[in-house]
Amino acid sequence: MVLPKLLRLDEYREGREMKYAILHRVYLHRYQQCTLPRWFRRAFVRSAVHRAWLVGYDGCFSQDGVRFDPANPYDEQRCG
């Protein structure tokens, strides 16, 4: 039986940061109203990538711990 190599803590952090960077790119891509090919969306159904794409489509974001989305729209008077 071969055991998987354990990642050092700094390698784990780098991998996690890379994952969030990729998810953020997907979110921003859809937030800018760009579309992904259908084969790409179907390949990532029910994954974190697909959820990031959907959240970007809805226009959801958070600022200073407050989440803004279509049900809770951004209001400049509240933030400023």
C-alpha atoms as a PDB file:
ATOM      1  CA  MET A   1       0.000   0.000   0.000  1.00  0.00           C
ATOM      2  CA  VAL A   2       1.389   3.358  -1.028  1.00  0.00           C
ATOM      3  CA  LEU A   3       0.438   6.297   1.161  1.00  0.00           C
ATOM      4  CA  PRO A   4       0.029   9.709  -0.455  1.00  0.00           C
ATOM      5  CA  LYS A   5       2.700  12.268   0.228  1.00  0.00           C
ATOM      6  CA  LEU A   6       1.570  14.747   2.861  1.00  0.00           C
ATOM      7  CA  LEU A   7       1.771  18.375   1.872  1.00  0.00           C
ATOM      8  CA  ARG A   8       3.726  20.805   3.929  1.00  0.00           C
ATOM      9  CA  LEU A   9       1.691  23.658   5.345  1.00  0.00           C
ATOM     10  CA  ASP A  10       3.162  26.229   2.946  1.00  0.00           C
ATOM     11  CA  GLU A  11       2.409  23.974  -0.050  1.00  0.00           C
ATOM     12  CA  TYR A  12      -1.159  23.562   1.188  1.00  0.00           C
ATOM     13  CA  ARG A  13      -1.597  27.335   1.478  1.00  0.00           C
ATOM     14  CA  GLU A  14      -0.226  27.894  -2.023  1.00  0.00           C
ATOM     15  CA  GLY A  15      -2.637  25.324  -3.439  1.00  0.00           C
ATOM     16  CA  ARG A  16      -5.578  26.849  -1.598  1.00  0.00           C
ATOM     17  CA  GLU A  17      -4.677  30.356  -2.761  1.00  0.00           C
ATOM     18  CA  MET A  18      -4.411  29.101  -6.337  1.00  0.00           C
ATOM     19  CA  LYS A  19      -7.846  27.480  -6.070  1.00  0.00           C
ATOM     20  CA  TYR A  20      -9.420  30.724  -4.853  1.00  0.00           C
ATOM     21  CA  ALA A  21      -7.617  32.708  -7.554  1.00  0.00           C
ATOM     22  CA  ILE A  22      -9.090  30.429 -10.237  1.00  0.00           C
ATOM     23  CA  LEU A  23     -12.574  30.655  -8.714  1.00  0.00           C
ATOM     24  CA  HIS A  24     -12.258  34.451  -8.536  1.00  0.00           C
ATOM     25  CA  ARG A  25     -11.287  34.599 -12.231  1.00  0.00           C
ATOM     26  CA  VAL A  26     -14.343  32.526 -13.162  1.00  0.00           C
ATOM     27  CA  TYR A  27     -16.563  34.776 -11.013  1.00  0.00           C
ATOM     28  CA  LEU A  28     -15.201  37.956 -12.609  1.00  0.00           C
ATOM     29  CA  HIS A  29     -15.466  36.466 -16.097  1.00  0.00           C
ATOM     30  CA  ARG A  30     -19.201  35.934 -15.657  1.00  0.00           C
ATOM     31  CA  TYR A  31     -19.705  39.181 -13.713  1.00  0.00           C
ATOM     32  CA  GLN A  32     -18.465  40.995 -16.824  1.00  0.00           C
ATOM     33  CA  GLN A  33     -21.302  39.247 -18.731  1.00  0.00           C
ATOM     34  CA  CYS A  34     -18.885  37.009 -20.650  1.00  0.00           C
ATOM     35  CA  THR A  35     -20.038  33.471 -21.328  1.00  0.00           C
ATOM     36  CA  LEU A  36     -18.185  30.194 -21.146  1.00  0.00           C
ATOM     37  CA  PRO A  37     -18.596  27.475 -23.755  1.00  0.00           C
ATOM     38  CA  ARG A  38     -21.381  25.023 -23.008  1.00  0.00           C
ATOM     39  CA  TRP A  39     -18.959  22.066 -22.877  1.00  0.00           C
ATOM     40  CA  PHE A  40     -16.983  23.861 -20.151  1.00  0.00           C
ATOM     41  CA  ARG A  41     -20.078  24.560 -18.059  1.00  0.00           C
ATOM     42  CA  ARG A  42     -21.285  20.977 -18.436  1.00  0.00           C
ATOM     43  CA  ALA A  43     -17.900  19.620 -17.419  1.00  0.00           C
ATOM     44  CA  PHE A  44     -18.059  21.508 -14.109  1.00  0.00           C
ATOM     45  CA  VAL A  45     -21.719  21.061 -13.138  1.00  0.00           C
ATOM     46  CA  ARG A  46     -22.296  21.136  -9.340  1.00  0.00           C
ATOM     47  CA  SER A  47     -18.703  22.079  -8.586  1.00  0.00           C
ATOM     48  CA  ALA A  48     -17.102  25.118  -6.990  1.00  0.00           C
ATOM     49  CA  VAL A  49     -16.282  26.446 -10.466  1.00  0.00           C
ATOM     50  CA  HIS A  50     -19.928  26.226 -11.498  1.00  0.00           C
ATOM     51  CA  ARG A  51     -21.067  27.948  -8.295  1.00  0.00           C
ATOM     52  CA  ALA A  52     -18.562  30.775  -8.834  1.00  0.00           C
ATOM     53  CA  TRP A  53     -19.877  31.189 -12.373  1.00  0.00           C
ATOM     54  CA  LEU A  54     -23.504  31.322 -11.153  1.00  0.00           C
ATOM     55  CA  VAL A  55     -22.735  33.816  -8.371  1.00  0.00           C
ATOM     56  CA  GLY A  56     -21.018  36.051 -10.927  1.00  0.00           C
ATOM     57  CA  TYR A  57     -24.071  35.770 -13.164  1.00  0.00           C
ATOM     58  CA  ASP A  58     -26.346  36.855 -10.300  1.00  0.00           C
ATOM     59  CA  GLY A  59     -24.078  39.792  -9.414  1.00  0.00           C
ATOM     60  CA  CYS A  60     -23.498  38.715  -5.813  1.00  0.00           C
ATOM     61  CA  PHE A  61     -20.545  40.096  -3.870  1.00  0.00           C
ATOM     62  CA  SER A  62     -19.593  40.971  -0.306  1.00  0.00           C
ATOM     63  CA  GLN A  63     -17.992  44.112   1.030  1.00  0.00           C
ATOM     64  CA  ASP A  64     -16.881  44.713   4.622  1.00  0.00           C
ATOM     65  CA  GLY A  65     -18.648  41.545   5.704  1.00  0.00           C
ATOM     66  CA  VAL A  66     -21.988  42.551   4.138  1.00  0.00           C
ATOM     67  CA  ARG A  67     -23.301  40.390   1.310  1.00  0.00           C
ATOM     68  CA  PHE A  68     -24.989  42.150  -1.612  1.00  0.00           C
ATOM     69  CA  ASP A  69     -27.131  40.285  -4.128  1.00  0.00           C
ATOM     70  CA  PRO A  70     -30.375  40.835  -6.057  1.00  0.00           C
ATOM     71  CA  ALA A  71     -32.405  40.400  -2.835  1.00  0.00           C
ATOM     72  CA  ASN A  72     -30.152  42.830  -0.918  1.00  0.00           C
ATOM     73  CA  PRO A  73     -29.060  45.457  -3.503  1.00  0.00           C
ATOM     74  CA  TYR A  74     -26.057  47.727  -3.110  1.00  0.00           C
ATOM     75  CA  ASP A  75     -27.074  51.073  -1.667  1.00  0.00           C
ATOM     76  CA  GLU A  76     -24.431  53.809  -1.528  1.00  0.00           C
ATOM     77  CA  GLN A  77     -26.104  55.567   1.392  1.00  0.00           C
ATOM     78  CA  ARG A  78     -25.754  52.520   3.640  1.00  0.00           C
ATOM     79  CA  CYS A  79     -22.042  52.152   2.998  1.00  0.00           C
ATOM     80  CA  GLY A  80     -20.947  55.639   3.139  1.00  0.00           C
END
